[in-house]
Each structure stands twice: as C-alpha cells, then as structure tokens.
Amino acid sequence: MPFNDIKTERLENQRSIRLIENLGFVLSDSSYELFRGKEYLHNTYSLYIPQLI
C-alpha cells in the first residue's frame, strides 16, 4: 500500500472515531485480531447512556 493511501486511511479513521464519539459512543475494549496473517488492533465502541434518576 503506498504511503499516501495509508495517510488517507488514517485520516478517514480519525474522522470516523470523532463522529461516533460525538454521537455518544465510548471506547469500551481493544484487542488484536489476526487478519490475513497479520495482527491488527481492533477497537470496540459502545453507546454510553447515562442513568436518569
């Protein structure tokens, strides 16, 4: 993968992360997953809903 493609992918990923965090999702877990013989960091986000009392 050319360097410019990697840079663009990271930028789009940062935009996606910012979007879901603005929608109320929070990082809830991280793990490494094997894909095509390589390990990649995989973040899991969950929707945070505060308790209303």
C-alpha atoms as a PDB file:
ATOM      1  CA  MET A   1       0.000   0.000   0.000  1.00  0.00           C
ATOM      2  CA  PRO A   2       1.521   3.371  -0.959  1.00  0.00           C
ATOM      3  CA  PHE A   3       2.259   5.838   1.842  1.00  0.00           C
ATOM      4  CA  ASN A   4      -0.388   8.317   0.621  1.00  0.00           C
ATOM      5  CA  ASP A   5      -3.077   5.616   0.880  1.00  0.00           C
ATOM      6  CA  ILE A   6      -2.052   4.824   4.462  1.00  0.00           C
ATOM      7  CA  LYS A   7      -2.163   8.531   5.380  1.00  0.00           C
ATOM      8  CA  THR A   8      -5.635   8.915   3.844  1.00  0.00           C
ATOM      9  CA  GLU A   9      -6.904   5.785   5.598  1.00  0.00           C
ATOM     10  CA  ARG A  10      -5.727   7.076   8.985  1.00  0.00           C
ATOM     11  CA  LEU A  11      -7.347  10.452   8.369  1.00  0.00           C
ATOM     12  CA  GLU A  12     -10.672   8.844   7.463  1.00  0.00           C
ATOM     13  CA  ASN A  13     -10.405   6.584  10.513  1.00  0.00           C
ATOM     14  CA  GLN A  14      -9.853   9.625  12.778  1.00  0.00           C
ATOM     15  CA  ARG A  15     -12.920  11.279  11.285  1.00  0.00           C
ATOM     16  CA  SER A  16     -14.975   8.132  11.924  1.00  0.00           C
ATOM     17  CA  ILE A  17     -13.765   7.938  15.524  1.00  0.00           C
ATOM     18  CA  ARG A  18     -14.597  11.596  16.134  1.00  0.00           C
ATOM     19  CA  LEU A  19     -18.073  11.104  14.616  1.00  0.00           C
ATOM     20  CA  ILE A  20     -19.016   8.126  16.793  1.00  0.00           C
ATOM     21  CA  GLU A  21     -17.616   9.801  19.910  1.00  0.00           C
ATOM     22  CA  ASN A  22     -19.729  12.890  19.143  1.00  0.00           C
ATOM     23  CA  LEU A  23     -22.755  10.573  18.887  1.00  0.00           C
ATOM     24  CA  GLY A  24     -22.145   9.326  22.447  1.00  0.00           C
ATOM     25  CA  PHE A  25     -20.086   6.186  21.863  1.00  0.00           C
ATOM     26  CA  VAL A  26     -17.113   5.452  24.123  1.00  0.00           C
ATOM     27  CA  LEU A  27     -14.144   3.158  23.663  1.00  0.00           C
ATOM     28  CA  SER A  28     -15.026   0.019  25.607  1.00  0.00           C
ATOM     29  CA  ASP A  29     -12.424  -2.552  24.537  1.00  0.00           C
ATOM     30  CA  SER A  30      -9.309  -3.070  22.433  1.00  0.00           C
ATOM     31  CA  SER A  31      -7.860  -6.322  21.183  1.00  0.00           C
ATOM     32  CA  TYR A  32      -5.599  -7.638  18.468  1.00  0.00           C
ATOM     33  CA  GLU A  33      -7.207  -9.692  15.733  1.00  0.00           C
ATOM     34  CA  LEU A  34      -5.497 -11.852  13.134  1.00  0.00           C
ATOM     35  CA  PHE A  35      -6.332 -10.946   9.518  1.00  0.00           C
ATOM     36  CA  ARG A  36      -4.536 -12.456   6.545  1.00  0.00           C
ATOM     37  CA  GLY A  37      -1.603 -13.495   8.672  1.00  0.00           C
ATOM     38  CA  LYS A  38      -1.114 -10.111  10.411  1.00  0.00           C
ATOM     39  CA  GLU A  39      -2.330  -8.850  13.753  1.00  0.00           C
ATOM     40  CA  TYR A  40      -4.284  -5.596  13.764  1.00  0.00           C
ATOM     41  CA  LEU A  41      -5.512  -3.533  16.686  1.00  0.00           C
ATOM     42  CA  HIS A  42      -9.321  -3.588  16.825  1.00  0.00           C
ATOM     43  CA  ASN A  43     -11.170  -1.060  18.982  1.00  0.00           C
ATOM     44  CA  THR A  44     -14.726  -1.693  20.131  1.00  0.00           C
ATOM     45  CA  TYR A  45     -17.036   1.218  20.914  1.00  0.00           C
ATOM     46  CA  SER A  46     -20.249   1.070  22.945  1.00  0.00           C
ATOM     47  CA  LEU A  47     -23.042   3.584  23.287  1.00  0.00           C
ATOM     48  CA  TYR A  48     -22.861   5.383  26.610  1.00  0.00           C
ATOM     49  CA  ILE A  49     -26.280   6.165  28.079  1.00  0.00           C
ATOM     50  CA  PRO A  50     -26.177   7.902  31.460  1.00  0.00           C
ATOM     51  CA  GLN A  51     -28.700   6.840  34.085  1.00  0.00           C
ATOM     52  CA  LEU A  52     -31.533   9.252  34.577  1.00  0.00           C
ATOM     53  CA  ILE A  53     -32.720   9.412  38.174  1.00  0.00           C
END
